[in-house]
Amino acid sequence: MLQTPFLKKISLLPERINPDDFPFNTLGFLTPDFAIDFDTPITFFVGENGSGKSTVLEAIAALCGFHQGGGSNDHINYESTDHTASSLKQAMRPAWLPKVSNGFFFRSESFFNLANYIDETGNLNHYGGTKMQRQSHGESFLSLFTNRIGTDERAMYLMDEPETALSPSRQLTFLSLLHEWEQSGNAQMIIATHSPIILSYPNAQIIEFTDTGLKTVSVEETEHYRVTKNFLSAPERYLKELMKD
């Protein structure tokens, strides 16, 4: 039986790197030496806003055949003007074993537009039977996660900030779903997140995007974890500093 991860590695073809094009002219780590090895079924991308994690994730989605605005290969005709990662996709070299194009790309930033498209054209039985726009933001997220993401066949699931509409308790529910997907042996997940709760998922690979490059870290080493822990341990000290006259 084939086991995840299916996407073993991504690297760049030096001859296709144009330093004058986005994102090569913005993200310093996109050099001929750039590479990410995927060692576990679940990989988290973490980093500050603008660090490049979403750009890399969108390029991987394009390699899988998913619409860069979000969705699966069923939504390839979905209208979107976001093609920022296309030049990166053209330069990216994936190493598959085997190649997998089934799955879903969840992109919280454009989910509202995708939800409208699903409500108008999709089979709602694949999404819980209720129109997305008749649910709260968080409910629609969970409806997608619990109904559209299956484990019956090999699939890639890429998620960009799935926590944005989820309460802390719903993020714990999401951790339970991650465990279910991982245990199936049929799902590889690459998730960009700012959530220390989600980053705490055990035995996942965490890749931190920084100004000086990419590195593999533990959840305790991420700034997201440290800042959250330190703030909650002494909020009055932080608030006093932030709100001083």
Foldseek 3Di string as FASTA:
>chain_A
DDFDDFFFKKAFDQVLDDCVAPPNVPAVQNHNPDMDGFDALEEEEEEDVPLCPLLVLLLVLVVLCHDSLWFAVVCVVQDDDDDRNVSVNVGMDIDGPPRHNDEIEAELVNVVSVLVVCQVDNDCQQQVNDRLVVDPSLVSLVSCLVRNGDLPAAYEYEYEASCPPPDPVVVVVVLVSVVVNNVSSRYRYYYYHLDLSNLQNPPYWYWYRDSVYIDTDHSCPDPSNVVVVVCVVPVVVVCCVVPPD
